[in-house]
Amino acid sequence: HEYEMEDGRRLNVLAEGRLVNLAAPLALGHPVEVMDQSFGVQAACV
């Protein structure tokens, strides 16, 4: 999303300022192998 300032400068915000690696249109989040570790810990903690 592009915001044009009064002096003509353009500032571009990705994914509405939300978590970019999950909220952008093409976002897939963390690599699978990384989340395998995190979710293994989650399951063990439950």
All heavy atoms as atom14 arrays in JSON, in Angstrom:
{
  "sequence": "HEYEMEDGRRLNVLAEGRLVNLAAPLALGHPVEVMDQSFGVQAACV",
  "atom14_mask": [
    [1, 1, 1, 1, 1, 1, 1, 1, 1, 1, 0, 0, 0, 0],
    [1, 1, 1, 1, 1, 1, 1, 1, 1, 0, 0, 0, 0, 0],
    [1, 1, 1, 1, 1, 1, 1, 1, 1, 1, 1, 1, 0, 0],
    [1, 1, 1, 1, 1, 1, 1, 1, 1, 0, 0, 0, 0, 0],
    [1, 1, 1, 1, 1, 1, 1, 1, 0, 0, 0, 0, 0, 0],
    [1, 1, 1, 1, 1, 1, 1, 1, 1, 0, 0, 0, 0, 0],
    [1, 1, 1, 1, 1, 1, 1, 1, 0, 0, 0, 0, 0, 0],
    [1, 1, 1, 1, 0, 0, 0, 0, 0, 0, 0, 0, 0, 0],
    [1, 1, 1, 1, 1, 1, 1, 1, 1, 1, 1, 0, 0, 0],
    [1, 1, 1, 1, 1, 1, 1, 1, 1, 1, 1, 0, 0, 0],
    [1, 1, 1, 1, 1, 1, 1, 1, 0, 0, 0, 0, 0, 0],
    [1, 1, 1, 1, 1, 1, 1, 1, 0, 0, 0, 0, 0, 0],
    [1, 1, 1, 1, 1, 1, 1, 0, 0, 0, 0, 0, 0, 0],
    [1, 1, 1, 1, 1, 1, 1, 1, 0, 0, 0, 0, 0, 0],
    [1, 1, 1, 1, 1, 0, 0, 0, 0, 0, 0, 0, 0, 0],
    [1, 1, 1, 1, 1, 1, 1, 1, 1, 0, 0, 0, 0, 0],
    [1, 1, 1, 1, 0, 0, 0, 0, 0, 0, 0, 0, 0, 0],
    [1, 1, 1, 1, 1, 1, 1, 1, 1, 1, 1, 0, 0, 0],
    [1, 1, 1, 1, 1, 1, 1, 1, 0, 0, 0, 0, 0, 0],
    [1, 1, 1, 1, 1, 1, 1, 0, 0, 0, 0, 0, 0, 0],
    [1, 1, 1, 1, 1, 1, 1, 1, 0, 0, 0, 0, 0, 0],
    [1, 1, 1, 1, 1, 1, 1, 1, 0, 0, 0, 0, 0, 0],
    [1, 1, 1, 1, 1, 0, 0, 0, 0, 0, 0, 0, 0, 0],
    [1, 1, 1, 1, 1, 0, 0, 0, 0, 0, 0, 0, 0, 0],
    [1, 1, 1, 1, 1, 1, 1, 0, 0, 0, 0, 0, 0, 0],
    [1, 1, 1, 1, 1, 1, 1, 1, 0, 0, 0, 0, 0, 0],
    [1, 1, 1, 1, 1, 0, 0, 0, 0, 0, 0, 0, 0, 0],
    [1, 1, 1, 1, 1, 1, 1, 1, 0, 0, 0, 0, 0, 0],
    [1, 1, 1, 1, 0, 0, 0, 0, 0, 0, 0, 0, 0, 0],
    [1, 1, 1, 1, 1, 1, 1, 1, 1, 1, 0, 0, 0, 0],
    [1, 1, 1, 1, 1, 1, 1, 0, 0, 0, 0, 0, 0, 0],
    [1, 1, 1, 1, 1, 1, 1, 0, 0, 0, 0, 0, 0, 0],
    [1, 1, 1, 1, 1, 1, 1, 1, 1, 0, 0, 0, 0, 0],
    [1, 1, 1, 1, 1, 1, 1, 0, 0, 0, 0, 0, 0, 0],
    [1, 1, 1, 1, 1, 1, 1, 1, 0, 0, 0, 0, 0, 0],
    [1, 1, 1, 1, 1, 1, 1, 1, 0, 0, 0, 0, 0, 0],
    [1, 1, 1, 1, 1, 1, 1, 1, 1, 0, 0, 0, 0, 0],
    [1, 1, 1, 1, 1, 1, 0, 0, 0, 0, 0, 0, 0, 0],
    [1, 1, 1, 1, 1, 1, 1, 1, 1, 1, 1, 0, 0, 0],
    [1, 1, 1, 1, 0, 0, 0, 0, 0, 0, 0, 0, 0, 0],
    [1, 1, 1, 1, 1, 1, 1, 0, 0, 0, 0, 0, 0, 0],
    [1, 1, 1, 1, 1, 1, 1, 1, 1, 0, 0, 0, 0, 0],
    [1, 1, 1, 1, 1, 0, 0, 0, 0, 0, 0, 0, 0, 0],
    [1, 1, 1, 1, 1, 0, 0, 0, 0, 0, 0, 0, 0, 0],
    [1, 1, 1, 1, 1, 1, 0, 0, 0, 0, 0, 0, 0, 0],
    [1, 1, 1, 1, 1, 1, 1, 0, 0, 0, 0, 0, 0, 0]
  ],
  "atom14_positions": [
    [[0.86, -1.19, 0.0], [0.0, 0.0, 0.0], [0.89, 1.24, 0.0], [1.74, 1.4, 0.88], [-0.92, 0.01, 1.22], [-2.05, 0.99, 1.11], [-3.08, 0.84, 0.21], [-2.3, 2.14, 1.79], [-3.93, 1.85, 0.34], [-3.46, 2.66, 1.29], [0.0, 0.0, 0.0], [0.0, 0.0, 0.0], [0.0, 0.0, 0.0], [0.0, 0.0, 0.0]],
    [[0.69, 2.08, -0.99], [1.53, 3.26, -1.18], [0.86, 4.5, -0.59], [-0.31, 4.78, -0.85], [1.77, 3.47, -2.67], [2.58, 4.71, -3.02], [2.58, 4.95, -4.52], [3.38, 4.31, -5.21], [1.74, 5.77, -5.0], [0.0, 0.0, 0.0], [0.0, 0.0, 0.0], [0.0, 0.0, 0.0], [0.0, 0.0, 0.0], [0.0, 0.0, 0.0]],
    [[1.63, 5.24, 0.2], [1.19, 6.5, 0.77], [2.03, 7.62, 0.13], [3.25, 7.65, 0.28], [1.4, 6.53, 2.28], [0.59, 5.52, 3.05], [1.0, 4.18, 3.12], [-0.58, 5.88, 3.71], [0.27, 3.24, 3.83], [-1.32, 4.96, 4.43], [-0.89, 3.64, 4.49], [-1.62, 2.71, 5.19], [0.0, 0.0, 0.0], [0.0, 0.0, 0.0]],
    [[1.37, 8.53, -0.59], [2.1, 9.64, -1.21], [2.05, 10.85, -0.3], [0.97, 11.3, 0.12], [1.52, 9.99, -2.57], [2.31, 11.09, -3.28], [1.84, 11.38, -4.69], [1.03, 10.59, -5.21], [2.26, 12.4, -5.25], [0.0, 0.0, 0.0], [0.0, 0.0, 0.0], [0.0, 0.0, 0.0], [0.0, 0.0, 0.0], [0.0, 0.0, 0.0]],
    [[3.23, 11.38, 0.02], [3.33, 12.54, 0.88], [3.14, 13.83, 0.07], [3.18, 13.84, -1.16], [4.7, 12.57, 1.57], [5.03, 11.35, 2.41], [4.01, 11.2, 3.9], [2.81, 9.97, 3.38], [0.0, 0.0, 0.0], [0.0, 0.0, 0.0], [0.0, 0.0, 0.0], [0.0, 0.0, 0.0], [0.0, 0.0, 0.0], [0.0, 0.0, 0.0]],
    [[2.95, 14.93, 0.78], [2.69, 16.21, 0.13], [3.84, 16.64, -0.78], [3.63, 17.3, -1.8], [2.43, 17.28, 1.2], [1.91, 18.6, 0.65], [1.49, 19.55, 1.76], [1.72, 19.25, 2.94], [0.89, 20.6, 1.42], [0.0, 0.0, 0.0], [0.0, 0.0, 0.0], [0.0, 0.0, 0.0], [0.0, 0.0, 0.0], [0.0, 0.0, 0.0]],
    [[5.07, 16.23, -0.44], [6.22, 16.62, -1.25], [6.5, 15.63, -2.38], [7.53, 15.72, -3.05], [7.46, 16.78, -0.38], [7.81, 15.51, 0.39], [7.19, 14.46, 0.14], [8.72, 15.56, 1.25], [0.0, 0.0, 0.0], [0.0, 0.0, 0.0], [0.0, 0.0, 0.0], [0.0, 0.0, 0.0], [0.0, 0.0, 0.0], [0.0, 0.0, 0.0]],
    [[5.62, 14.67, -2.58], [5.77, 13.71, -3.68], [6.43, 12.41, -3.3], [6.45, 11.46, -4.1], [0.0, 0.0, 0.0], [0.0, 0.0, 0.0], [0.0, 0.0, 0.0], [0.0, 0.0, 0.0], [0.0, 0.0, 0.0], [0.0, 0.0, 0.0], [0.0, 0.0, 0.0], [0.0, 0.0, 0.0], [0.0, 0.0, 0.0], [0.0, 0.0, 0.0]],
    [[7.02, 12.32, -2.11], [7.64, 11.06, -1.7], [6.57, 9.97, -1.51], [5.45, 10.27, -1.08], [8.42, 11.23, -0.39], [9.69, 12.05, -0.51], [10.34, 12.26, 0.86], [9.42, 12.9, 1.81], [8.99, 12.35, 2.93], [9.38, 11.13, 3.28], [8.16, 13.01, 3.73], [0.0, 0.0, 0.0], [0.0, 0.0, 0.0], [0.0, 0.0, 0.0]],
    [[6.96, 8.74, -1.82], [6.04, 7.61, -1.66], [6.62, 6.62, -0.64], [7.75, 6.17, -0.79], [5.83, 6.92, -3.0], [5.09, 7.79, -4.01], [5.39, 7.35, -5.43], [6.83, 7.52, -5.72], [7.41, 7.12, -6.85], [6.69, 6.51, -7.78], [8.7, 7.3, -7.05], [0.0, 0.0, 0.0], [0.0, 0.0, 0.0], [0.0, 0.0, 0.0]],
    [[5.84, 6.33, 0.39], [6.22, 5.35, 1.41], [5.33, 4.13, 1.26], [4.1, 4.26, 1.23], [6.08, 5.94, 2.82], [6.68, 7.33, 3.06], [6.56, 7.71, 4.52], [8.13, 7.41, 2.6], [0.0, 0.0, 0.0], [0.0, 0.0, 0.0], [0.0, 0.0, 0.0], [0.0, 0.0, 0.0], [0.0, 0.0, 0.0], [0.0, 0.0, 0.0]],
    [[5.92, 2.96, 1.17], [5.18, 1.74, 0.85], [5.12, 0.8, 2.05], [6.16, 0.4, 2.59], [5.86, 1.01, -0.31], [5.91, 1.86, -1.56], [4.89, 2.11, -2.18], [7.1, 2.31, -1.93], [0.0, 0.0, 0.0], [0.0, 0.0, 0.0], [0.0, 0.0, 0.0], [0.0, 0.0, 0.0], [0.0, 0.0, 0.0], [0.0, 0.0, 0.0]],
    [[3.91, 0.47, 2.48], [3.7, -0.4, 3.63], [3.27, -1.78, 3.14], [2.34, -1.9, 2.34], [2.63, 0.18, 4.57], [2.33, -0.8, 5.71], [3.1, 1.52, 5.15], [0.0, 0.0, 0.0], [0.0, 0.0, 0.0], [0.0, 0.0, 0.0], [0.0, 0.0, 0.0], [0.0, 0.0, 0.0], [0.0, 0.0, 0.0], [0.0, 0.0, 0.0]],
    [[3.95, -2.8, 3.63], [3.63, -4.17, 3.24], [2.67, -4.82, 4.23], [2.78, -4.62, 5.44], [4.92, -4.99, 3.16], [5.73, -4.89, 1.87], [6.22, -3.48, 1.61], [6.89, -5.89, 1.88], [0.0, 0.0, 0.0], [0.0, 0.0, 0.0], [0.0, 0.0, 0.0], [0.0, 0.0, 0.0], [0.0, 0.0, 0.0], [0.0, 0.0, 0.0]],
    [[1.71, -5.57, 3.69], [0.82, -6.43, 4.48], [0.07, -5.67, 5.57], [-0.15, -6.18, 6.66], [1.6, -7.59, 5.1], [0.0, 0.0, 0.0], [0.0, 0.0, 0.0], [0.0, 0.0, 0.0], [0.0, 0.0, 0.0], [0.0, 0.0, 0.0], [0.0, 0.0, 0.0], [0.0, 0.0, 0.0], [0.0, 0.0, 0.0], [0.0, 0.0, 0.0]],
    [[-0.29, -4.4, 5.26], [-1.07, -3.58, 6.19], [-0.36, -3.39, 7.53], [-1.0, -3.14, 8.55], [-2.46, -4.19, 6.42], [-3.28, -4.33, 5.15], [-4.64, -4.97, 5.4], [-5.06, -5.04, 6.58], [-5.27, -5.4, 4.42], [0.0, 0.0, 0.0], [0.0, 0.0, 0.0], [0.0, 0.0, 0.0], [0.0, 0.0, 0.0], [0.0, 0.0, 0.0]],
    [[0.96, -3.53, 7.54], [1.71, -3.39, 8.78], [1.58, -4.58, 9.71], [2.07, -4.55, 10.84], [0.0, 0.0, 0.0], [0.0, 0.0, 0.0], [0.0, 0.0, 0.0], [0.0, 0.0, 0.0], [0.0, 0.0, 0.0], [0.0, 0.0, 0.0], [0.0, 0.0, 0.0], [0.0, 0.0, 0.0], [0.0, 0.0, 0.0], [0.0, 0.0, 0.0]],
    [[0.94, -5.64, 9.22], [0.82, -6.86, 10.03], [2.04, -7.75, 9.81], [2.93, -7.43, 9.01], [-0.48, -7.6, 9.67], [-1.74, -6.8, 10.04], [-3.0, -7.63, 9.88], [-4.2, -6.87, 10.22], [-4.66, -6.69, 11.45], [-4.03, -7.23, 12.47], [-5.75, -5.99, 11.67], [0.0, 0.0, 0.0], [0.0, 0.0, 0.0], [0.0, 0.0, 0.0]],
    [[2.08, -8.85, 10.5], [3.2, -9.77, 10.47], [3.49, -10.18, 9.03], [2.8, -11.0, 8.45], [2.85, -10.98, 11.33], [3.93, -11.97, 11.69], [5.09, -11.3, 12.39], [3.35, -13.06, 12.57], [0.0, 0.0, 0.0], [0.0, 0.0, 0.0], [0.0, 0.0, 0.0], [0.0, 0.0, 0.0], [0.0, 0.0, 0.0], [0.0, 0.0, 0.0]],
    [[4.54, -9.61, 8.46], [4.73, -9.65, 7.01], [4.93, -11.07, 6.49], [4.45, -11.41, 5.4], [5.9, -8.75, 6.59], [7.24, -9.28, 7.07], [5.91, -8.53, 5.08], [0.0, 0.0, 0.0], [0.0, 0.0, 0.0], [0.0, 0.0, 0.0], [0.0, 0.0, 0.0], [0.0, 0.0, 0.0], [0.0, 0.0, 0.0], [0.0, 0.0, 0.0]],
    [[5.6, -11.91, 7.26], [5.89, -13.25, 6.75], [4.69, -14.18, 6.78], [4.77, -15.31, 6.29], [7.07, -13.87, 7.53], [6.76, -14.03, 9.0], [5.91, -13.36, 9.54], [7.47, -14.94, 9.66], [0.0, 0.0, 0.0], [0.0, 0.0, 0.0], [0.0, 0.0, 0.0], [0.0, 0.0, 0.0], [0.0, 0.0, 0.0], [0.0, 0.0, 0.0]],
    [[3.58, -13.71, 7.32], [2.36, -14.51, 7.34], [1.16, -13.79, 6.75], [0.19, -14.43, 6.34], [2.02, -14.95, 8.78], [2.86, -16.12, 9.29], [2.87, -16.15, 10.81], [2.31, -17.43, 8.74], [0.0, 0.0, 0.0], [0.0, 0.0, 0.0], [0.0, 0.0, 0.0], [0.0, 0.0, 0.0], [0.0, 0.0, 0.0], [0.0, 0.0, 0.0]],
    [[1.2, -12.46, 6.68], [0.02, -11.7, 6.28], [0.07, -11.18, 4.85], [-0.96, -10.77, 4.31], [-0.19, -10.53, 7.24], [0.0, 0.0, 0.0], [0.0, 0.0, 0.0], [0.0, 0.0, 0.0], [0.0, 0.0, 0.0], [0.0, 0.0, 0.0], [0.0, 0.0, 0.0], [0.0, 0.0, 0.0], [0.0, 0.0, 0.0], [0.0, 0.0, 0.0]],
    [[1.24, -11.17, 4.23], [1.31, -10.73, 2.83], [0.63, -11.76, 1.93], [0.5, -12.93, 2.29], [2.78, -10.55, 2.42], [0.0, 0.0, 0.0], [0.0, 0.0, 0.0], [0.0, 0.0, 0.0], [0.0, 0.0, 0.0], [0.0, 0.0, 0.0], [0.0, 0.0, 0.0], [0.0, 0.0, 0.0], [0.0, 0.0, 0.0], [0.0, 0.0, 0.0]],
    [[0.18, -11.34, 0.74], [-0.58, -12.26, -0.13], [0.15, -13.55, -0.46], [-0.47, -14.6, -0.59], [-0.82, -11.42, -1.39], [-0.81, -10.01, -0.9], [0.2, -9.97, 0.19], [0.0, 0.0, 0.0], [0.0, 0.0, 0.0], [0.0, 0.0, 0.0], [0.0, 0.0, 0.0], [0.0, 0.0, 0.0], [0.0, 0.0, 0.0], [0.0, 0.0, 0.0]],
    [[1.47, -13.5, -0.62], [2.24, -14.69, -0.98], [2.93, -15.33, 0.22], [3.75, -16.23, 0.05], [3.29, -14.33, -2.04], [2.76, -13.81, -3.37], [3.91, -13.38, -4.28], [1.92, -14.88, -4.07], [0.0, 0.0, 0.0], [0.0, 0.0, 0.0], [0.0, 0.0, 0.0], [0.0, 0.0, 0.0], [0.0, 0.0, 0.0], [0.0, 0.0, 0.0]],
    [[2.62, -14.88, 1.41], [3.34, -15.32, 2.61], [3.07, -16.79, 2.92], [1.93, -17.26, 2.85], [2.95, -14.47, 3.8], [0.0, 0.0, 0.0], [0.0, 0.0, 0.0], [0.0, 0.0, 0.0], [0.0, 0.0, 0.0], [0.0, 0.0, 0.0], [0.0, 0.0, 0.0], [0.0, 0.0, 0.0], [0.0, 0.0, 0.0], [0.0, 0.0, 0.0]],
    [[4.11, -17.5, 3.3], [4.01, -18.91, 3.68], [4.5, -19.16, 5.1], [4.49, -20.29, 5.57], [4.81, -19.78, 2.71], [4.33, -19.75, 1.25], [5.29, -20.53, 0.37], [2.92, -20.32, 1.15], [0.0, 0.0, 0.0], [0.0, 0.0, 0.0], [0.0, 0.0, 0.0], [0.0, 0.0, 0.0], [0.0, 0.0, 0.0], [0.0, 0.0, 0.0]],
    [[4.93, -18.1, 5.8], [5.42, -18.27, 7.16], [6.8, -18.89, 7.19], [7.5, -18.96, 6.18], [0.0, 0.0, 0.0], [0.0, 0.0, 0.0], [0.0, 0.0, 0.0], [0.0, 0.0, 0.0], [0.0, 0.0, 0.0], [0.0, 0.0, 0.0], [0.0, 0.0, 0.0], [0.0, 0.0, 0.0], [0.0, 0.0, 0.0], [0.0, 0.0, 0.0]],
    [[7.2, -19.34, 8.37], [8.54, -19.9, 8.56], [8.73, -21.17, 7.74], [7.76, -21.88, 7.44], [8.77, -20.24, 10.03], [8.89, -19.05, 10.92], [8.84, -17.75, 10.46], [9.06, -18.97, 12.26], [8.98, -16.92, 11.48], [9.12, -17.64, 12.59], [0.0, 0.0, 0.0], [0.0, 0.0, 0.0], [0.0, 0.0, 0.0], [0.0, 0.0, 0.0]],
    [[9.98, -21.51, 7.41], [10.25, -22.78, 6.74], [9.71, -23.96, 7.54], [9.65, -23.94, 8.78], [11.79, -22.82, 6.68], [12.2, -21.38, 6.71], [11.21, -20.7, 7.6], [0.0, 0.0, 0.0], [0.0, 0.0, 0.0], [0.0, 0.0, 0.0], [0.0, 0.0, 0.0], [0.0, 0.0, 0.0], [0.0, 0.0, 0.0], [0.0, 0.0, 0.0]],
    [[9.33, -25.01, 6.81], [8.7, -26.17, 7.43], [9.6, -26.78, 8.51], [9.14, -27.09, 9.62], [8.36, -27.23, 6.36], [7.74, -28.47, 7.01], [7.4, -26.65, 5.32], [0.0, 0.0, 0.0], [0.0, 0.0, 0.0], [0.0, 0.0, 0.0], [0.0, 0.0, 0.0], [0.0, 0.0, 0.0], [0.0, 0.0, 0.0], [0.0, 0.0, 0.0]],
    [[10.89, -26.96, 8.21], [11.78, -27.62, 9.16], [11.89, -26.86, 10.47], [12.02, -27.47, 11.54], [13.18, -27.78, 8.55], [13.22, -28.6, 7.28], [13.13, -27.75, 6.03], [12.55, -26.63, 6.1], [13.64, -28.2, 4.98], [0.0, 0.0, 0.0], [0.0, 0.0, 0.0], [0.0, 0.0, 0.0], [0.0, 0.0, 0.0], [0.0, 0.0, 0.0]],
    [[11.84, -25.53, 10.39], [11.93, -24.71, 11.59], [10.69, -24.89, 12.46], [10.78, -25.09, 13.69], [12.11, -23.23, 11.21], [11.91, -22.33, 12.42], [13.5, -23.0, 10.61], [0.0, 0.0, 0.0], [0.0, 0.0, 0.0], [0.0, 0.0, 0.0], [0.0, 0.0, 0.0], [0.0, 0.0, 0.0], [0.0, 0.0, 0.0], [0.0, 0.0, 0.0]],
    [[9.52, -24.87, 11.85], [8.29, -25.01, 12.62], [8.12, -26.42, 13.15], [7.43, -26.63, 14.16], [7.08, -24.6, 11.78], [7.06, -23.12, 11.43], [7.38, -22.01, 12.85], [6.06, -22.46, 13.97], [0.0, 0.0, 0.0], [0.0, 0.0, 0.0], [0.0, 0.0, 0.0], [0.0, 0.0, 0.0], [0.0, 0.0, 0.0], [0.0, 0.0, 0.0]],
    [[8.73, -27.4, 12.5], [8.72, -28.76, 13.03], [9.3, -28.77, 14.44], [8.77, -29.43, 15.34], [9.53, -29.65, 12.09], [9.47, -31.12, 12.47], [8.43, -31.56, 12.99], [10.45, -31.84, 12.22], [0.0, 0.0, 0.0], [0.0, 0.0, 0.0], [0.0, 0.0, 0.0], [0.0, 0.0, 0.0], [0.0, 0.0, 0.0], [0.0, 0.0, 0.0]],
    [[10.39, -28.03, 14.63], [11.01, -27.96, 15.95], [10.11, -27.24, 16.96], [9.88, -27.73, 18.07], [12.36, -27.24, 15.84], [13.35, -27.97, 14.96], [14.67, -27.25, 14.8], [15.52, -27.7, 14.05], [14.86, -26.15, 15.49], [0.0, 0.0, 0.0], [0.0, 0.0, 0.0], [0.0, 0.0, 0.0], [0.0, 0.0, 0.0], [0.0, 0.0, 0.0]],
    [[9.58, -26.09, 16.57], [8.75, -25.32, 17.5], [7.49, -26.07, 17.89], [7.1, -26.1, 19.07], [8.38, -23.97, 16.87], [9.52, -23.18, 16.68], [0.0, 0.0, 0.0], [0.0, 0.0, 0.0], [0.0, 0.0, 0.0], [0.0, 0.0, 0.0], [0.0, 0.0, 0.0], [0.0, 0.0, 0.0], [0.0, 0.0, 0.0], [0.0, 0.0, 0.0]],
    [[6.86, -26.7, 16.92], [5.61, -27.4, 17.22], [5.87, -28.72, 17.94], [5.0, -29.21, 18.68], [4.8, -27.61, 15.94], [4.2, -26.34, 15.4], [3.96, -26.18, 14.05], [3.88, -25.29, 16.25], [3.41, -25.01, 13.55], [3.32, -24.11, 15.77], [3.08, -23.97, 14.41], [0.0, 0.0, 0.0], [0.0, 0.0, 0.0], [0.0, 0.0, 0.0]],
    [[7.06, -29.3, 17.75], [7.42, -30.44, 18.58], [7.48, -30.06, 20.05], [7.0, -30.8, 20.91], [0.0, 0.0, 0.0], [0.0, 0.0, 0.0], [0.0, 0.0, 0.0], [0.0, 0.0, 0.0], [0.0, 0.0, 0.0], [0.0, 0.0, 0.0], [0.0, 0.0, 0.0], [0.0, 0.0, 0.0], [0.0, 0.0, 0.0], [0.0, 0.0, 0.0]],
    [[8.05, -28.9, 20.33], [8.09, -28.4, 21.71], [6.68, -28.13, 22.21], [6.33, -28.48, 23.36], [8.96, -27.14, 21.81], [8.92, -26.58, 23.23], [10.41, -27.44, 21.42], [0.0, 0.0, 0.0], [0.0, 0.0, 0.0], [0.0, 0.0, 0.0], [0.0, 0.0, 0.0], [0.0, 0.0, 0.0], [0.0, 0.0, 0.0], [0.0, 0.0, 0.0]],
    [[5.84, -27.53, 21.37], [4.45, -27.27, 21.78], [3.74, -28.56, 22.18], [3.09, -28.63, 23.23], [3.67, -26.62, 20.61], [3.93, -25.15, 20.42], [3.1, -24.28, 21.36], [2.63, -24.74, 22.4], [2.93, -23.04, 21.0], [0.0, 0.0, 0.0], [0.0, 0.0, 0.0], [0.0, 0.0, 0.0], [0.0, 0.0, 0.0], [0.0, 0.0, 0.0]],
    [[3.84, -29.57, 21.33], [3.15, -30.84, 21.61], [3.68, -31.47, 22.9], [2.9, -31.98, 23.73], [3.33, -31.79, 20.43], [0.0, 0.0, 0.0], [0.0, 0.0, 0.0], [0.0, 0.0, 0.0], [0.0, 0.0, 0.0], [0.0, 0.0, 0.0], [0.0, 0.0, 0.0], [0.0, 0.0, 0.0], [0.0, 0.0, 0.0], [0.0, 0.0, 0.0]],
    [[5.01, -31.44, 23.09], [5.59, -32.0, 24.3], [5.12, -31.24, 25.54], [4.88, -31.84, 26.6], [7.12, -31.98, 24.21], [0.0, 0.0, 0.0], [0.0, 0.0, 0.0], [0.0, 0.0, 0.0], [0.0, 0.0, 0.0], [0.0, 0.0, 0.0], [0.0, 0.0, 0.0], [0.0, 0.0, 0.0], [0.0, 0.0, 0.0], [0.0, 0.0, 0.0]],
    [[4.96, -29.92, 25.42], [4.5, -29.11, 26.55], [3.04, -29.37, 26.89], [2.66, -29.39, 28.07], [4.72, -27.63, 26.25], [6.44, -27.11, 26.36], [0.0, 0.0, 0.0], [0.0, 0.0, 0.0], [0.0, 0.0, 0.0], [0.0, 0.0, 0.0], [0.0, 0.0, 0.0], [0.0, 0.0, 0.0], [0.0, 0.0, 0.0], [0.0, 0.0, 0.0]],
    [[2.21, -29.56, 25.87], [0.81, -29.91, 26.14], [0.75, -31.24, 26.89], [0.02, -31.38, 27.89], [0.01, -29.98, 24.82], [-1.37, -30.57, 25.08], [-0.12, -28.59, 24.21], [0.0, 0.0, 0.0], [0.0, 0.0, 0.0], [0.0, 0.0, 0.0], [0.0, 0.0, 0.0], [0.0, 0.0, 0.0], [0.0, 0.0, 0.0], [0.0, 0.0, 0.0]]
  ]
}
